[in-house]
Structure formats: structure tokens, C-alpha cells
């Protein structure tokens, strides 16, 4: 019985889950938008929101806590400088999950998870 055991297993053992979530939150904060399965996106949302909340606190202890989860110092610097300013006046809800249908290979439900202030940078095509 799994009574009082929060979170999804995602078909992995605990160390694999932790490593996967750390990699995914690093990619999400670096690129501000990633494509993954819907259950993974729902789990990732929890961790990403916690990291942005740490950045809003902004002290040394919060930075070290973020470094314990996020794989890249460059991403932590981006989080504590650029992203912190964007979300300072927002009280939660930093991510958005957009369902995109099922994957062709195995019919897994897919989703795009992105930061709410994400804007797609498009290059202007000149003729």
C-alpha cells in the first residue's frame, strides 16, 4: 500500500526520479519551455515553482539550496538575476502546462511546460 506517499513514481526508482527532475528543472529554467509527458510536467511544476520562490527570497542560503537541485551555476545565476525580477510581484503560478495530444510512438499524453512570462523569440525574415 502507498498510503501517505506523495508524488508520482513515473515508472522509476527514487534516485532516477530525483535525477530526472533535477535535469528537467535545469532545462526548463535554461530554455524557459520544454516538451515532455503530462505526468512529468505536473511533477516538474512543483519543483520549478519552489526554485523560483527560492530566487525571490534571494539570500545566500536560498542560492545554495537552489544549487543543490539545479545542475548548472549559469542557470542559477539566470534564475537569481533575470527570472527573479520577472516574478517578484507574482504570488505563485509561475508555470503553465499546455497539453499537445498524444505521442505518435506510444500514445503517451504530451504537454509543453513553460514559464508564464515566456515569449517566443522569432527571427524576422527579410526578403
N, C-alpha and C. Protein backbone atom coordinates (compact mmCIF):
# COMPACT_ATOMS: atom_id res chain seq x y z
N UNK A 1 0.83 -1.18 0.00
CA UNK A 1 0.00 0.00 0.00
C UNK A 1 0.87 1.25 0.00
N UNK A 2 0.42 2.27 -0.71
CA UNK A 2 1.20 3.50 -0.84
C UNK A 2 0.61 4.64 -0.01
N UNK A 3 0.02 4.34 1.09
CA UNK A 3 -0.62 5.38 1.88
C UNK A 3 0.38 6.45 2.28
N UNK A 4 -0.01 7.71 2.11
CA UNK A 4 0.76 8.88 2.54
C UNK A 4 2.12 9.02 1.83
N UNK A 5 2.23 8.47 0.65
CA UNK A 5 3.44 8.61 -0.14
C UNK A 5 3.12 9.52 -1.32
N UNK A 6 3.49 10.78 -1.19
CA UNK A 6 3.10 11.79 -2.18
C UNK A 6 3.96 11.69 -3.44
N UNK A 7 3.42 12.15 -4.54
CA UNK A 7 4.17 12.23 -5.79
C UNK A 7 3.98 11.01 -6.67
N UNK A 8 4.28 11.18 -7.94
CA UNK A 8 4.14 10.10 -8.91
C UNK A 8 5.44 9.31 -9.00
N UNK A 9 5.34 8.02 -9.22
CA UNK A 9 6.53 7.18 -9.35
C UNK A 9 7.14 7.29 -10.74
N UNK A 10 6.32 7.48 -11.76
CA UNK A 10 6.77 7.64 -13.15
C UNK A 10 7.58 6.45 -13.65
N UNK A 11 7.35 5.28 -13.06
CA UNK A 11 8.00 4.06 -13.53
C UNK A 11 9.49 4.00 -13.26
N UNK A 12 9.96 4.71 -12.24
CA UNK A 12 11.39 4.78 -11.95
C UNK A 12 11.62 4.62 -10.46
N UNK A 13 12.85 4.24 -10.10
CA UNK A 13 13.17 4.22 -8.67
C UNK A 13 13.46 5.64 -8.19
N UNK A 14 13.65 5.80 -6.90
CA UNK A 14 13.70 7.15 -6.33
C UNK A 14 14.91 7.95 -6.81
N UNK A 15 16.07 7.31 -6.95
CA UNK A 15 17.24 8.05 -7.39
C UNK A 15 17.10 8.49 -8.85
N UNK A 16 16.47 7.65 -9.66
CA UNK A 16 16.24 8.00 -11.06
C UNK A 16 15.23 9.15 -11.16
N UNK A 17 14.18 9.10 -10.34
CA UNK A 17 13.20 10.18 -10.33
C UNK A 17 13.86 11.50 -9.97
N UNK A 18 14.69 11.47 -8.92
CA UNK A 18 15.34 12.70 -8.46
C UNK A 18 16.27 13.25 -9.53
N UNK A 19 17.06 12.39 -10.16
CA UNK A 19 17.98 12.84 -11.20
C UNK A 19 17.22 13.41 -12.39
N UNK A 20 16.13 12.75 -12.77
CA UNK A 20 15.34 13.21 -13.91
C UNK A 20 14.71 14.58 -13.62
N UNK A 21 14.16 14.75 -12.43
CA UNK A 21 13.54 16.03 -12.08
C UNK A 21 14.59 17.15 -12.00
N UNK A 22 15.78 16.86 -11.49
CA UNK A 22 16.83 17.87 -11.44
C UNK A 22 17.24 18.29 -12.85
N UNK A 23 17.38 17.32 -13.74
CA UNK A 23 17.73 17.64 -15.12
C UNK A 23 16.62 18.43 -15.81
N UNK A 24 15.37 18.06 -15.56
CA UNK A 24 14.25 18.72 -16.21
C UNK A 24 14.07 20.15 -15.71
N UNK A 25 14.23 20.38 -14.39
CA UNK A 25 14.08 21.74 -13.88
C UNK A 25 15.22 22.63 -14.38
N UNK A 26 16.41 22.05 -14.53
CA UNK A 26 17.53 22.81 -15.09
C UNK A 26 17.23 23.21 -16.54
N UNK A 27 16.72 22.27 -17.32
CA UNK A 27 16.38 22.56 -18.72
C UNK A 27 15.25 23.57 -18.82
N UNK A 28 14.24 23.44 -17.96
CA UNK A 28 13.12 24.36 -18.00
C UNK A 28 13.56 25.79 -17.69
N UNK A 29 14.39 25.96 -16.68
CA UNK A 29 14.83 27.30 -16.32
C UNK A 29 15.82 27.87 -17.34
N UNK A 30 16.56 26.99 -18.00
CA UNK A 30 17.51 27.46 -19.02
C UNK A 30 16.78 27.89 -20.29
N UNK A 31 15.87 27.06 -20.77
CA UNK A 31 15.20 27.31 -22.05
C UNK A 31 13.83 27.98 -21.88
N UNK A 32 13.28 27.97 -20.67
CA UNK A 32 12.00 28.55 -20.31
C UNK A 32 10.81 27.83 -20.93
N UNK A 33 11.05 26.76 -21.66
CA UNK A 33 9.97 25.98 -22.26
C UNK A 33 10.53 24.63 -22.68
N UNK A 34 9.86 23.54 -22.27
CA UNK A 34 10.27 22.21 -22.70
C UNK A 34 9.05 21.37 -23.02
N UNK A 35 9.24 20.32 -23.80
CA UNK A 35 8.18 19.40 -24.16
C UNK A 35 8.44 18.08 -23.44
N UNK A 36 7.42 17.56 -22.76
CA UNK A 36 7.56 16.32 -22.02
C UNK A 36 6.19 15.67 -21.90
N UNK A 37 6.10 14.57 -21.17
CA UNK A 37 4.80 13.94 -20.97
C UNK A 37 4.02 14.70 -19.90
N UNK A 38 2.73 14.57 -19.92
CA UNK A 38 1.88 15.32 -18.99
C UNK A 38 2.15 14.97 -17.53
N UNK A 39 2.27 13.69 -17.13
CA UNK A 39 2.57 13.41 -15.72
C UNK A 39 3.92 13.97 -15.26
N UNK A 40 4.93 13.92 -16.13
CA UNK A 40 6.23 14.51 -15.78
C UNK A 40 6.12 16.02 -15.63
N UNK A 41 5.34 16.65 -16.49
CA UNK A 41 5.16 18.10 -16.42
C UNK A 41 4.48 18.49 -15.11
N UNK A 42 3.51 17.71 -14.68
CA UNK A 42 2.80 18.02 -13.43
C UNK A 42 3.73 17.89 -12.23
N UNK A 43 4.62 16.92 -12.24
CA UNK A 43 5.59 16.79 -11.15
C UNK A 43 6.64 17.88 -11.21
N UNK A 44 7.05 18.23 -12.43
CA UNK A 44 8.08 19.25 -12.62
C UNK A 44 7.60 20.61 -12.15
N UNK A 45 6.31 20.89 -12.33
CA UNK A 45 5.75 22.17 -11.93
C UNK A 45 6.00 22.46 -10.45
N UNK A 46 5.87 21.44 -9.61
CA UNK A 46 6.08 21.62 -8.17
C UNK A 46 7.51 22.09 -7.87
N UNK A 47 8.48 21.42 -8.48
CA UNK A 47 9.88 21.74 -8.22
C UNK A 47 10.28 23.08 -8.83
N UNK A 48 9.78 23.38 -10.01
CA UNK A 48 10.12 24.65 -10.67
C UNK A 48 9.57 25.83 -9.87
N UNK A 49 8.35 25.71 -9.36
CA UNK A 49 7.78 26.79 -8.56
C UNK A 49 8.58 27.00 -7.27
N UNK A 50 9.07 25.91 -6.68
CA UNK A 50 9.90 26.04 -5.47
C UNK A 50 11.20 26.76 -5.77
N UNK A 51 11.80 26.48 -6.93
CA UNK A 51 13.06 27.13 -7.28
C UNK A 51 12.86 28.63 -7.51
N UNK A 52 11.77 29.01 -8.13
CA UNK A 52 11.51 30.43 -8.36
C UNK A 52 11.21 31.13 -7.04
N UNK A 53 10.54 30.45 -6.13
CA UNK A 53 10.28 31.02 -4.81
C UNK A 53 11.59 31.23 -4.05
N UNK A 54 12.52 30.29 -4.17
CA UNK A 54 13.85 30.46 -3.56
C UNK A 54 14.54 31.69 -4.15
N UNK A 55 14.45 31.86 -5.45
CA UNK A 55 15.10 33.00 -6.10
C UNK A 55 14.50 34.31 -5.61
N UNK A 56 13.20 34.33 -5.39
CA UNK A 56 12.56 35.55 -4.91
C UNK A 56 13.05 35.90 -3.51
N UNK A 57 13.38 34.89 -2.70
CA UNK A 57 13.95 35.16 -1.38
C UNK A 57 15.32 35.82 -1.53
N UNK A 58 16.14 35.23 -2.41
CA UNK A 58 17.35 35.91 -2.87
C UNK A 58 18.55 35.92 -1.95
N UNK A 59 18.50 35.29 -0.77
CA UNK A 59 19.68 35.32 0.11
C UNK A 59 20.64 34.18 -0.23
N UNK A 60 21.75 34.16 0.45
CA UNK A 60 22.80 33.18 0.16
C UNK A 60 22.32 31.76 0.42
N UNK A 61 21.58 31.56 1.50
CA UNK A 61 21.08 30.23 1.82
C UNK A 61 20.14 29.72 0.73
N UNK A 62 19.28 30.60 0.21
CA UNK A 62 18.38 30.21 -0.86
C UNK A 62 19.15 29.85 -2.13
N UNK A 63 20.21 30.60 -2.42
CA UNK A 63 21.04 30.30 -3.60
C UNK A 63 21.71 28.93 -3.45
N UNK A 64 22.19 28.62 -2.25
CA UNK A 64 22.82 27.32 -2.02
C UNK A 64 21.80 26.19 -2.09
N UNK A 65 20.59 26.43 -1.63
CA UNK A 65 19.55 25.42 -1.74
C UNK A 65 19.20 25.17 -3.21
N UNK A 66 19.17 26.22 -4.01
CA UNK A 66 18.90 26.07 -5.44
C UNK A 66 20.04 25.34 -6.13
N UNK A 67 21.27 25.64 -5.74
CA UNK A 67 22.43 24.95 -6.32
C UNK A 67 22.43 23.46 -5.98
N UNK A 68 21.80 23.09 -4.87
CA UNK A 68 21.72 21.67 -4.50
C UNK A 68 20.78 20.91 -5.44
N UNK A 69 19.89 21.62 -6.13
CA UNK A 69 18.93 20.97 -7.02
C UNK A 69 19.30 21.19 -8.48
N UNK A 70 19.59 22.43 -8.85
CA UNK A 70 19.83 22.78 -10.24
C UNK A 70 21.26 22.41 -10.62
N UNK A 71 21.44 21.84 -11.79
CA UNK A 71 22.71 21.27 -12.21
C UNK A 71 23.75 22.29 -12.68
N UNK A 72 23.34 23.50 -13.03
CA UNK A 72 24.24 24.44 -13.67
C UNK A 72 24.29 25.76 -12.91
N UNK A 73 25.50 26.23 -12.65
CA UNK A 73 25.67 27.53 -11.98
C UNK A 73 25.17 28.66 -12.86
N UNK A 74 25.32 28.51 -14.16
CA UNK A 74 24.85 29.52 -15.11
C UNK A 74 23.33 29.68 -15.02
N UNK A 75 22.63 28.57 -14.89
CA UNK A 75 21.17 28.61 -14.78
C UNK A 75 20.76 29.23 -13.45
N UNK A 76 21.48 28.93 -12.38
CA UNK A 76 21.17 29.53 -11.07
C UNK A 76 21.39 31.04 -11.13
N UNK A 77 22.44 31.48 -11.80
CA UNK A 77 22.67 32.91 -11.95
C UNK A 77 21.52 33.57 -12.73
N UNK A 78 21.06 32.91 -13.79
CA UNK A 78 19.92 33.43 -14.56
C UNK A 78 18.68 33.49 -13.68
N UNK A 79 18.47 32.45 -12.88
CA UNK A 79 17.30 32.39 -12.01
C UNK A 79 17.32 33.51 -10.98
N UNK A 80 18.47 33.76 -10.36
CA UNK A 80 18.56 34.74 -9.29
C UNK A 80 18.73 36.17 -9.78
N UNK A 81 18.94 36.36 -11.08
CA UNK A 81 19.04 37.72 -11.59
C UNK A 81 17.85 38.05 -12.49
N UNK A 82 17.75 37.40 -13.65
CA UNK A 82 16.74 37.74 -14.64
C UNK A 82 15.34 37.27 -14.22
N UNK A 83 15.19 35.99 -13.91
CA UNK A 83 13.87 35.44 -13.63
C UNK A 83 13.30 35.97 -12.31
N UNK A 84 14.17 36.26 -11.37
CA UNK A 84 13.72 36.79 -10.08
C UNK A 84 12.96 38.10 -10.28
N UNK A 85 13.50 38.98 -11.12
CA UNK A 85 12.86 40.28 -11.36
C UNK A 85 11.51 40.13 -12.06
N UNK A 86 11.40 39.15 -12.97
CA UNK A 86 10.16 38.96 -13.71
C UNK A 86 9.01 38.50 -12.83
N UNK A 87 9.31 37.71 -11.80
CA UNK A 87 8.26 37.09 -10.99
C UNK A 87 8.15 37.68 -9.59
N UNK A 88 8.82 38.80 -9.32
CA UNK A 88 8.84 39.36 -7.98
C UNK A 88 7.44 39.78 -7.50
N UNK A 89 6.59 40.26 -8.41
CA UNK A 89 5.27 40.72 -7.99
C UNK A 89 4.19 39.65 -8.16
N UNK A 90 4.58 38.42 -8.44
CA UNK A 90 3.62 37.33 -8.67
C UNK A 90 3.65 36.38 -7.47
N UNK A 91 2.47 35.99 -6.99
CA UNK A 91 2.38 35.12 -5.82
C UNK A 91 2.10 33.67 -6.20
N UNK A 92 3.02 33.06 -6.92
CA UNK A 92 2.85 31.66 -7.30
C UNK A 92 2.31 31.54 -8.71
N UNK A 93 2.19 30.29 -9.17
CA UNK A 93 1.70 30.04 -10.51
C UNK A 93 2.67 30.51 -11.57
N UNK A 94 3.92 30.07 -11.46
CA UNK A 94 4.97 30.55 -12.35
C UNK A 94 5.06 29.74 -13.65
N UNK A 95 4.40 28.60 -13.70
CA UNK A 95 4.50 27.73 -14.87
C UNK A 95 3.12 27.48 -15.47
N UNK A 96 3.13 27.12 -16.75
CA UNK A 96 1.90 26.83 -17.49
C UNK A 96 2.11 25.50 -18.20
N UNK A 97 1.09 24.63 -18.13
CA UNK A 97 1.14 23.34 -18.83
C UNK A 97 0.11 23.38 -19.95
N UNK A 98 0.58 23.15 -21.18
CA UNK A 98 -0.29 23.14 -22.35
C UNK A 98 -0.27 21.72 -22.92
N UNK A 99 -1.40 21.07 -22.90
CA UNK A 99 -1.46 19.70 -23.43
C UNK A 99 -1.45 19.74 -24.95
N UNK A 100 -0.67 18.83 -25.55
CA UNK A 100 -0.49 18.86 -27.01
C UNK A 100 -0.95 17.59 -27.70
N UNK A 101 -1.66 16.72 -27.03
CA UNK A 101 -2.12 15.49 -27.67
C UNK A 101 -1.22 14.33 -27.30
N UNK A 102 -1.34 13.25 -28.04
CA UNK A 102 -0.59 12.03 -27.73
C UNK A 102 0.61 11.86 -28.64
N UNK A 103 1.66 11.25 -28.09
CA UNK A 103 2.87 10.98 -28.86
C UNK A 103 2.59 9.87 -29.86
N UNK A 104 3.18 9.97 -31.03
CA UNK A 104 2.90 9.02 -32.11
C UNK A 104 3.37 7.61 -31.77
N UNK A 105 4.51 7.45 -31.14
CA UNK A 105 5.08 6.13 -30.92
C UNK A 105 4.32 5.27 -29.93
N UNK A 106 4.01 5.84 -28.76
CA UNK A 106 3.39 5.03 -27.70
C UNK A 106 2.10 5.63 -27.15
N UNK A 107 1.59 6.67 -27.79
CA UNK A 107 0.34 7.33 -27.40
C UNK A 107 0.39 7.91 -25.99
N UNK A 108 1.59 8.28 -25.54
CA UNK A 108 1.71 8.93 -24.23
C UNK A 108 1.18 10.36 -24.33
N UNK A 109 0.43 10.82 -23.33
CA UNK A 109 -0.07 12.20 -23.36
C UNK A 109 1.09 13.18 -23.22
N UNK A 110 1.22 14.09 -24.18
CA UNK A 110 2.33 15.04 -24.20
C UNK A 110 1.85 16.43 -23.79
N UNK A 111 2.81 17.23 -23.31
CA UNK A 111 2.49 18.59 -22.87
C UNK A 111 3.72 19.47 -23.04
N UNK A 112 3.46 20.76 -23.17
CA UNK A 112 4.52 21.76 -23.13
C UNK A 112 4.42 22.43 -21.77
N UNK A 113 5.52 22.48 -21.04
CA UNK A 113 5.55 23.22 -19.79
C UNK A 113 6.45 24.42 -20.01
N UNK A 114 5.94 25.60 -19.66
CA UNK A 114 6.69 26.82 -19.90
C UNK A 114 6.46 27.79 -18.75
N UNK A 115 7.38 28.72 -18.60
CA UNK A 115 7.22 29.78 -17.62
C UNK A 115 6.18 30.76 -18.15
N UNK A 116 5.36 31.34 -17.28
CA UNK A 116 4.23 32.14 -17.74
C UNK A 116 4.68 33.40 -18.48
N UNK A 117 5.86 33.91 -18.21
CA UNK A 117 6.34 35.11 -18.91
C UNK A 117 7.13 34.77 -20.17
N UNK A 118 7.06 33.52 -20.62
CA UNK A 118 7.82 33.09 -21.79
C UNK A 118 7.28 33.77 -23.04
N UNK A 119 8.19 34.33 -23.83
CA UNK A 119 7.82 34.88 -25.13
C UNK A 119 8.73 34.24 -26.16
N UNK A 120 8.14 33.74 -27.22
CA UNK A 120 8.91 33.06 -28.25
C UNK A 120 9.65 34.09 -29.09
N UNK A 121 10.95 33.93 -29.17
CA UNK A 121 11.77 34.86 -29.95
C UNK A 121 11.83 34.38 -31.38
N UNK A 122 11.21 35.12 -32.26
CA UNK A 122 11.20 34.75 -33.67
C UNK A 122 12.10 35.69 -34.44
N UNK A 123 12.82 35.14 -35.38
CA UNK A 123 13.70 35.95 -36.22
C UNK A 123 12.89 36.54 -37.37
N UNK A 124 13.07 37.81 -37.62
CA UNK A 124 12.37 38.45 -38.73
C UNK A 124 13.01 38.02 -40.04
N UNK A 125 12.18 37.57 -40.96
CA UNK A 125 12.66 37.14 -42.27
C UNK A 125 12.57 38.34 -43.21
N UNK A 126 13.69 38.74 -43.76
CA UNK A 126 13.71 39.86 -44.70
C UNK A 126 13.95 39.33 -46.10
N UNK A 127 13.26 39.91 -47.05
CA UNK A 127 13.42 39.46 -48.44
C UNK A 127 14.28 40.42 -49.20
